[in-house]
C-alpha cells in the first residue's frame, strides 16, 4: 500500500517529466507520448470541451511547454487579454481529418484574439453551430459582427511563442494566416519582429485561415516508419 501511495504522489511529476517523440513531418508523421493540453488557464481556454473529450488536443511535450510558458508570460505582458487555442492532433498523431497536417504533434491552430465593440478582449465564440469557430468569416480588416481581430494581441502571442521556442533551442517553422489580413498584423507594433523571425504563408491556403492562425513548430523528429 505504501508503494501505491508513493506512486500516486510522484505521478504528477512523472507525467510532467514525460517527453514526446515525433516522427516524420506535419503532413506525414506520427507522435509517441503526446500530451493533452489543459482545457483552460488564467488567460486561455480550449475551443471545445467536446474536442477535449474525444482527444483532439494532443501535442508534442515541447510544444505543450512552449504554449503554456507563452500564455504565462502574456499574463504579465497583456493582463487584460484572453486567448483560445483550437485543433492540434491525436495522442498518437497520424491522419487528422479534415486537416492535411497536424500529424506529428507540431501543428497547432489558434483562434484569433478579438475585441468587442467596447474594445474589451473576449473569446471568439466557438460551438457546434459554427463548426467550433472554423465556419466564421471575417470581413474587411478583420470584422465579424461586433468583434474585431486584435492584431496587437495576436502579434504579441506569436512573438511570445517564438521567444519561448528559441529559449528551448527550437523555433517556429511557419505561420499560416490569411494573406489578405497579414498586412494589418504587420502594422502592429510587433510587425517588424514577425517579418524578420517568422515565415508566413504567401498564398491562400485550401481553407482561408482568417478565423485562426496555424503554427508549425520546428522541433527535430525521427524518421517516419
C-alpha atoms as a PDB file:
ATOM      1  CA  UNK A   1       0.000   0.000   0.000  1.00  0.00           C
ATOM      2  CA  UNK A   2       2.785   2.442   0.884  1.00  0.00           C
ATOM      3  CA  UNK A   3       4.323   1.949  -2.586  1.00  0.00           C
ATOM      4  CA  UNK A   4       0.974   2.733  -4.199  1.00  0.00           C
ATOM      5  CA  UNK A   5       0.676   5.926  -2.156  1.00  0.00           C
ATOM      6  CA  UNK A   6       4.229   6.936  -3.115  1.00  0.00           C
ATOM      7  CA  UNK A   7       3.466   6.282  -6.789  1.00  0.00           C
ATOM      8  CA  UNK A   8       0.340   8.439  -6.636  1.00  0.00           C
ATOM      9  CA  UNK A   9       2.315  11.240  -5.002  1.00  0.00           C
ATOM     10  CA  UNK A  10       5.003  11.107  -7.679  1.00  0.00           C
ATOM     11  CA  UNK A  11       2.630  10.603 -10.610  1.00  0.00           C
ATOM     12  CA  UNK A  12       2.200  14.325 -11.472  1.00  0.00           C
ATOM     13  CA  UNK A  13       5.979  14.754 -11.516  1.00  0.00           C
ATOM     14  CA  UNK A  14       6.443  11.685 -13.660  1.00  0.00           C
ATOM     15  CA  UNK A  15       3.792  12.834 -16.119  1.00  0.00           C
ATOM     16  CA  UNK A  16       5.173  16.357 -16.352  1.00  0.00           C
ATOM     17  CA  UNK A  17       8.647  14.930 -16.986  1.00  0.00           C
ATOM     18  CA  UNK A  18       7.435  12.814 -19.906  1.00  0.00           C
ATOM     19  CA  UNK A  19       8.942  13.690 -23.266  1.00  0.00           C
ATOM     20  CA  UNK A  20       7.342  13.039 -26.620  1.00  0.00           C
ATOM     21  CA  UNK A  21       8.946  11.779 -29.796  1.00  0.00           C
ATOM     22  CA  UNK A  22       7.735  12.986 -33.172  1.00  0.00           C
ATOM     23  CA  UNK A  23       8.223  11.090 -36.414  1.00  0.00           C
ATOM     24  CA  UNK A  24       8.203  12.297 -39.998  1.00  0.00           C
ATOM     25  CA  UNK A  25       6.597  15.586 -40.955  1.00  0.00           C
ATOM     26  CA  UNK A  26       3.484  17.533 -40.066  1.00  0.00           C
ATOM     27  CA  UNK A  27       1.896  16.198 -43.268  1.00  0.00           C
ATOM     28  CA  UNK A  28       3.117  12.596 -42.980  1.00  0.00           C
ATOM     29  CA  UNK A  29       4.056  11.508 -39.496  1.00  0.00           C
ATOM     30  CA  UNK A  30       3.055  10.266 -36.094  1.00  0.00           C
ATOM     31  CA  UNK A  31       3.600  11.023 -32.426  1.00  0.00           C
ATOM     32  CA  UNK A  32       4.719   8.982 -29.451  1.00  0.00           C
ATOM     33  CA  UNK A  33       3.958  10.133 -25.929  1.00  0.00           C
ATOM     34  CA  UNK A  34       1.747  13.061 -26.923  1.00  0.00           C
ATOM     35  CA  UNK A  35       0.377  15.196 -24.085  1.00  0.00           C
ATOM     36  CA  UNK A  36      -3.082  16.688 -23.827  1.00  0.00           C
ATOM     37  CA  UNK A  37      -3.347  20.443 -23.447  1.00  0.00           C
ATOM     38  CA  UNK A  38      -5.193  21.738 -20.386  1.00  0.00           C
ATOM     39  CA  UNK A  39      -8.772  22.846 -21.035  1.00  0.00           C
ATOM     40  CA  UNK A  40      -8.138  26.315 -19.658  1.00  0.00           C
ATOM     41  CA  UNK A  41      -5.858  28.607 -17.715  1.00  0.00           C
ATOM     42  CA  UNK A  42      -5.985  32.134 -16.271  1.00  0.00           C
ATOM     43  CA  UNK A  43      -5.904  33.747 -19.742  1.00  0.00           C
ATOM     44  CA  UNK A  44      -6.670  30.952 -22.198  1.00  0.00           C
ATOM     45  CA  UNK A  45      -9.119  28.196 -22.979  1.00  0.00           C
ATOM     46  CA  UNK A  46      -9.757  25.385 -25.450  1.00  0.00           C
ATOM     47  CA  UNK A  47     -12.125  25.878 -28.346  1.00  0.00           C
ATOM     48  CA  UNK A  48     -14.279  22.909 -27.337  1.00  0.00           C
ATOM     49  CA  UNK A  49     -14.972  20.721 -24.319  1.00  0.00           C
ATOM     50  CA  UNK A  50     -16.075  18.028 -26.770  1.00  0.00           C
ATOM     51  CA  UNK A  51     -12.709  18.167 -28.510  1.00  0.00           C
ATOM     52  CA  UNK A  52     -11.012  17.623 -25.146  1.00  0.00           C
ATOM     53  CA  UNK A  53     -13.154  14.552 -24.517  1.00  0.00           C
ATOM     54  CA  UNK A  54     -12.518  12.932 -27.905  1.00  0.00           C
ATOM     55  CA  UNK A  55      -8.769  13.583 -27.813  1.00  0.00           C
ATOM     56  CA  UNK A  56      -8.248  16.262 -30.473  1.00  0.00           C
ATOM     57  CA  UNK A  57      -5.929  18.499 -28.439  1.00  0.00           C
ATOM     58  CA  UNK A  58      -2.721  16.490 -28.032  1.00  0.00           C
ATOM     59  CA  UNK A  59       0.715  17.884 -28.901  1.00  0.00           C
ATOM     60  CA  UNK A  60       4.407  17.136 -28.560  1.00  0.00           C
ATOM     61  CA  UNK A  61       5.562  17.708 -24.971  1.00  0.00           C
ATOM     62  CA  UNK A  62       7.875  20.547 -26.024  1.00  0.00           C
ATOM     63  CA  UNK A  63       5.056  22.268 -27.899  1.00  0.00           C
ATOM     64  CA  UNK A  64       2.917  22.000 -24.777  1.00  0.00           C
ATOM     65  CA  UNK A  65       5.706  23.532 -22.676  1.00  0.00           C
ATOM     66  CA  UNK A  66       6.182  26.383 -25.167  1.00  0.00           C
ATOM     67  CA  UNK A  67       2.467  27.123 -25.347  1.00  0.00           C
ATOM     68  CA  UNK A  68       1.936  27.172 -21.587  1.00  0.00           C
ATOM     69  CA  UNK A  69       5.043  29.285 -20.959  1.00  0.00           C
ATOM     70  CA  UNK A  70       3.843  31.722 -23.605  1.00  0.00           C
ATOM     71  CA  UNK A  71       0.429  32.062 -22.003  1.00  0.00           C
ATOM     72  CA  UNK A  72       2.129  32.560 -18.646  1.00  0.00           C
ATOM     73  CA  UNK A  73       4.305  35.383 -19.950  1.00  0.00           C
ATOM     74  CA  UNK A  74       1.283  37.029 -21.565  1.00  0.00           C
ATOM     75  CA  UNK A  75      -0.448  37.100 -18.177  1.00  0.00           C
ATOM     76  CA  UNK A  76       2.156  39.708 -17.205  1.00  0.00           C
ATOM     77  CA  UNK A  77       2.651  41.444 -20.546  1.00  0.00           C
ATOM     78  CA  UNK A  78      -1.036  41.637 -21.513  1.00  0.00           C
ATOM     79  CA  UNK A  79      -3.047  41.002 -18.335  1.00  0.00           C
ATOM     80  CA  UNK A  80      -6.328  42.141 -19.909  1.00  0.00           C
ATOM     81  CA  UNK A  81      -6.144  39.846 -22.951  1.00  0.00           C
ATOM     82  CA  UNK A  82      -7.600  36.357 -23.361  1.00  0.00           C
ATOM     83  CA  UNK A  83      -6.623  33.680 -25.874  1.00  0.00           C
ATOM     84  CA  UNK A  84      -8.086  30.490 -27.309  1.00  0.00           C
ATOM     85  CA  UNK A  85      -6.369  27.539 -28.956  1.00  0.00           C
ATOM     86  CA  UNK A  86      -8.121  25.160 -31.354  1.00  0.00           C
ATOM     87  CA  UNK A  87      -7.280  21.904 -33.157  1.00  0.00           C
ATOM     88  CA  UNK A  88      -3.909  20.244 -32.533  1.00  0.00           C
ATOM     89  CA  UNK A  89      -3.900  16.485 -33.124  1.00  0.00           C
ATOM     90  CA  UNK A  90      -4.307  12.993 -31.693  1.00  0.00           C
ATOM     91  CA  UNK A  91      -2.182  11.439 -28.945  1.00  0.00           C
ATOM     92  CA  UNK A  92      -0.502   9.129 -31.477  1.00  0.00           C
ATOM     93  CA  UNK A  93      -0.586  11.643 -34.315  1.00  0.00           C
ATOM     94  CA  UNK A  94      -1.442  10.317 -37.758  1.00  0.00           C
ATOM     95  CA  UNK A  95      -4.226  11.407 -40.080  1.00  0.00           C
ATOM     96  CA  UNK A  96      -6.298  14.196 -38.563  1.00  0.00           C
ATOM     97  CA  UNK A  97      -9.303  14.987 -40.731  1.00  0.00           C
ATOM     98  CA  UNK A  98     -10.195  17.457 -42.144  1.00  0.00           C
ATOM     99  CA  UNK A  99      -6.646  18.816 -41.805  1.00  0.00           C
ATOM    100  CA  UNK A 100      -3.860  17.982 -44.229  1.00  0.00           C
ATOM    101  CA  UNK A 101      -1.231  18.347 -41.491  1.00  0.00           C
ATOM    102  CA  UNK A 102      -1.410  18.112 -37.658  1.00  0.00           C
ATOM    103  CA  UNK A 103       0.044  14.587 -37.857  1.00  0.00           C
ATOM    104  CA  UNK A 104       3.125  14.597 -35.626  1.00  0.00           C
ATOM    105  CA  UNK A 105       2.295  16.859 -32.689  1.00  0.00           C
ATOM    106  CA  UNK A 106       3.947  20.005 -34.032  1.00  0.00           C
ATOM    107  CA  UNK A 107       0.913  21.771 -35.550  1.00  0.00           C
ATOM    108  CA  UNK A 108      -1.431  23.999 -33.567  1.00  0.00           C
ATOM    109  CA  UNK A 109      -4.387  26.142 -34.617  1.00  0.00           C
ATOM    110  CA  UNK A 110      -5.035  29.276 -32.573  1.00  0.00           C
ATOM    111  CA  UNK A 111      -8.301  31.189 -32.807  1.00  0.00           C
ATOM    112  CA  UNK A 112      -7.639  34.863 -33.490  1.00  0.00           C
ATOM    113  CA  UNK A 113      -7.886  37.026 -30.367  1.00  0.00           C
ATOM    114  CA  UNK A 114     -10.724  39.543 -30.711  1.00  0.00           C
ATOM    115  CA  UNK A 115     -12.134  42.635 -29.030  1.00  0.00           C
ATOM    116  CA  UNK A 116     -15.789  43.570 -28.747  1.00  0.00           C
ATOM    117  CA  UNK A 117     -17.463  46.868 -29.631  1.00  0.00           C
ATOM    118  CA  UNK A 118     -16.181  48.377 -26.344  1.00  0.00           C
ATOM    119  CA  UNK A 119     -12.620  47.286 -27.079  1.00  0.00           C
ATOM    120  CA  UNK A 120     -12.599  44.569 -24.435  1.00  0.00           C
ATOM    121  CA  UNK A 121     -10.741  41.333 -25.080  1.00  0.00           C
ATOM    122  CA  UNK A 122     -13.202  38.449 -25.416  1.00  0.00           C
ATOM    123  CA  UNK A 123     -13.104  34.892 -26.694  1.00  0.00           C
ATOM    124  CA  UNK A 124     -14.182  34.203 -30.253  1.00  0.00           C
ATOM    125  CA  UNK A 125     -17.419  32.162 -29.967  1.00  0.00           C
ATOM    126  CA  UNK A 126     -16.805  28.515 -30.849  1.00  0.00           C
ATOM    127  CA  UNK A 127     -19.649  25.992 -30.787  1.00  0.00           C
ATOM    128  CA  UNK A 128     -21.191  23.226 -32.937  1.00  0.00           C
ATOM    129  CA  UNK A 129     -23.379  25.682 -34.907  1.00  0.00           C
ATOM    130  CA  UNK A 130     -20.318  27.468 -36.320  1.00  0.00           C
ATOM    131  CA  UNK A 131     -18.231  24.288 -36.548  1.00  0.00           C
ATOM    132  CA  UNK A 132     -16.393  25.255 -33.374  1.00  0.00           C
ATOM    133  CA  UNK A 133     -15.369  28.582 -34.879  1.00  0.00           C
ATOM    134  CA  UNK A 134     -13.988  27.283 -38.159  1.00  0.00           C
ATOM    135  CA  UNK A 135     -17.026  28.493 -40.147  1.00  0.00           C
ATOM    136  CA  UNK A 136     -16.608  32.099 -39.006  1.00  0.00           C
ATOM    137  CA  UNK A 137     -15.755  34.510 -41.838  1.00  0.00           C
ATOM    138  CA  UNK A 138     -14.097  37.854 -41.120  1.00  0.00           C
ATOM    139  CA  UNK A 139     -14.685  40.760 -43.473  1.00  0.00           C
ATOM    140  CA  UNK A 140     -12.819  43.975 -44.270  1.00  0.00           C
ATOM    141  CA  UNK A 141      -9.859  44.461 -41.970  1.00  0.00           C
ATOM    142  CA  UNK A 142     -10.988  41.603 -39.769  1.00  0.00           C
ATOM    143  CA  UNK A 143     -14.528  42.219 -38.549  1.00  0.00           C
ATOM    144  CA  UNK A 144     -17.160  39.693 -37.534  1.00  0.00           C
ATOM    145  CA  UNK A 145     -20.338  41.336 -36.292  1.00  0.00           C
ATOM    146  CA  UNK A 146     -19.357  43.428 -33.276  1.00  0.00           C
ATOM    147  CA  UNK A 147     -15.993  41.662 -32.976  1.00  0.00           C
ATOM    148  CA  UNK A 148     -12.678  42.721 -34.499  1.00  0.00           C
ATOM    149  CA  UNK A 149      -9.368  40.875 -34.715  1.00  0.00           C
ATOM    150  CA  UNK A 150      -6.959  42.106 -32.055  1.00  0.00           C
ATOM    151  CA  UNK A 151      -3.782  42.253 -34.132  1.00  0.00           C
ATOM    152  CA  UNK A 152      -1.715  43.632 -31.261  1.00  0.00           C
ATOM    153  CA  UNK A 153      -2.621  40.659 -29.060  1.00  0.00           C
ATOM    154  CA  UNK A 154      -2.099  38.238 -31.938  1.00  0.00           C
ATOM    155  CA  UNK A 155       1.321  39.697 -32.689  1.00  0.00           C
ATOM    156  CA  UNK A 156       2.308  39.559 -29.020  1.00  0.00           C
ATOM    157  CA  UNK A 157       1.226  35.927 -28.847  1.00  0.00           C
ATOM    158  CA  UNK A 158       3.302  34.932 -31.883  1.00  0.00           C
ATOM    159  CA  UNK A 159       6.347  36.806 -30.580  1.00  0.00           C
ATOM    160  CA  UNK A 160       5.961  35.082 -27.218  1.00  0.00           C
ATOM    161  CA  UNK A 161       5.697  31.649 -28.849  1.00  0.00           C
ATOM    162  CA  UNK A 162       8.814  32.343 -30.906  1.00  0.00           C
ATOM    163  CA  UNK A 163      10.852  33.546 -27.930  1.00  0.00           C
ATOM    164  CA  UNK A 164       9.796  30.592 -25.782  1.00  0.00           C
ATOM    165  CA  UNK A 165      10.662  28.181 -28.598  1.00  0.00           C
ATOM    166  CA  UNK A 166      14.099  29.772 -29.119  1.00  0.00           C
ATOM    167  CA  UNK A 167      14.763  29.726 -25.375  1.00  0.00           C
ATOM    168  CA  UNK A 168      14.447  25.938 -25.531  1.00  0.00           C
ATOM    169  CA  UNK A 169      16.619  25.584 -28.616  1.00  0.00           C
ATOM    170  CA  UNK A 170      13.715  25.247 -31.077  1.00  0.00           C
ATOM    171  CA  UNK A 171      11.931  27.565 -33.497  1.00  0.00           C
ATOM    172  CA  UNK A 172       8.708  28.176 -35.380  1.00  0.00           C
ATOM    173  CA  UNK A 173       8.733  26.711 -38.875  1.00  0.00           C
ATOM    174  CA  UNK A 174       5.823  28.650 -40.374  1.00  0.00           C
ATOM    175  CA  UNK A 175       2.651  30.571 -39.668  1.00  0.00           C
ATOM    176  CA  UNK A 176      -0.378  30.174 -41.939  1.00  0.00           C
ATOM    177  CA  UNK A 177      -2.701  33.182 -41.842  1.00  0.00           C
ATOM    178  CA  UNK A 178      -4.919  34.764 -44.490  1.00  0.00           C
ATOM    179  CA  UNK A 179      -2.557  36.763 -46.788  1.00  0.00           C
ATOM    180  CA  UNK A 180      -5.220  39.473 -47.169  1.00  0.00           C
ATOM    181  CA  UNK A 181      -5.205  40.072 -43.414  1.00  0.00           C
ATOM    182  CA  UNK A 182      -1.450  39.786 -42.890  1.00  0.00           C
ATOM    183  CA  UNK A 183      -0.764  43.483 -43.719  1.00  0.00           C
ATOM    184  CA  UNK A 184      -2.870  44.534 -40.714  1.00  0.00           C
ATOM    185  CA  UNK A 185      -0.914  42.175 -38.474  1.00  0.00           C
ATOM    186  CA  UNK A 186       2.377  43.558 -39.797  1.00  0.00           C
ATOM    187  CA  UNK A 187       1.195  47.095 -38.977  1.00  0.00           C
ATOM    188  CA  UNK A 188       1.069  46.178 -35.286  1.00  0.00           C
ATOM    189  CA  UNK A 189       3.989  47.118 -33.063  1.00  0.00           C
ATOM    190  CA  UNK A 190       5.247  43.554 -33.411  1.00  0.00           C
ATOM    191  CA  UNK A 191       5.173  43.622 -37.226  1.00  0.00           C
ATOM    192  CA  UNK A 192       8.886  44.063 -37.848  1.00  0.00           C
ATOM    193  CA  UNK A 193       9.793  41.278 -35.428  1.00  0.00           C
ATOM    194  CA  UNK A 194       7.302  38.971 -37.132  1.00  0.00           C
ATOM    195  CA  UNK A 195       8.667  39.758 -40.597  1.00  0.00           C
ATOM    196  CA  UNK A 196      12.255  39.145 -39.547  1.00  0.00           C
ATOM    197  CA  UNK A 197      11.784  35.993 -37.495  1.00  0.00           C
ATOM    198  CA  UNK A 198       8.876  34.029 -38.954  1.00  0.00           C
ATOM    199  CA  UNK A 199       7.876  32.501 -42.245  1.00  0.00           C
ATOM    200  CA  UNK A 200       4.310  33.439 -43.141  1.00  0.00           C
ATOM    201  CA  UNK A 201       2.164  31.826 -45.825  1.00  0.00           C
ATOM    202  CA  UNK A 202       2.433  33.722 -49.118  1.00  0.00           C
ATOM    203  CA  UNK A 203      -0.537  32.247 -50.951  1.00  0.00           C
ATOM    204  CA  UNK A 204      -4.110  31.461 -49.867  1.00  0.00           C
ATOM    205  CA  UNK A 205      -4.432  28.022 -48.302  1.00  0.00           C
ATOM    206  CA  UNK A 206      -7.107  25.466 -49.166  1.00  0.00           C
ATOM    207  CA  UNK A 207      -9.096  26.991 -46.307  1.00  0.00           C
ATOM    208  CA  UNK A 208      -8.905  30.707 -45.664  1.00  0.00           C
ATOM    209  CA  UNK A 209      -7.267  30.819 -42.197  1.00  0.00           C
ATOM    210  CA  UNK A 210      -8.903  34.094 -41.201  1.00  0.00           C
ATOM    211  CA  UNK A 211     -10.603  32.976 -38.000  1.00  0.00           C
ATOM    212  CA  UNK A 212      -7.496  31.126 -36.903  1.00  0.00           C
ATOM    213  CA  UNK A 213      -3.746  31.070 -37.473  1.00  0.00           C
ATOM    214  CA  UNK A 214      -1.896  27.800 -37.904  1.00  0.00           C
ATOM    215  CA  UNK A 215       1.551  27.449 -36.336  1.00  0.00           C
ATOM    216  CA  UNK A 216       4.017  24.672 -37.134  1.00  0.00           C
ATOM    217  CA  UNK A 217       6.792  24.309 -34.570  1.00  0.00           C
ATOM    218  CA  UNK A 218      10.329  23.400 -35.627  1.00  0.00           C
ATOM    219  CA  UNK A 219      11.407  20.552 -33.386  1.00  0.00           C
ATOM    220  CA  UNK A 220      13.663  17.666 -34.505  1.00  0.00           C
ATOM    221  CA  UNK A 221      11.807  14.462 -35.348  1.00  0.00           C
ATOM    222  CA  UNK A 222      12.866  10.898 -36.025  1.00  0.00           C
ATOM    223  CA  UNK A 223      12.361   9.327 -39.433  1.00  0.00           C
ATOM    224  CA  UNK A 224       8.787   8.188 -40.092  1.00  0.00           C
ATOM    225  CA  UNK A 225       8.232   4.418 -40.237  1.00  0.00           C
END
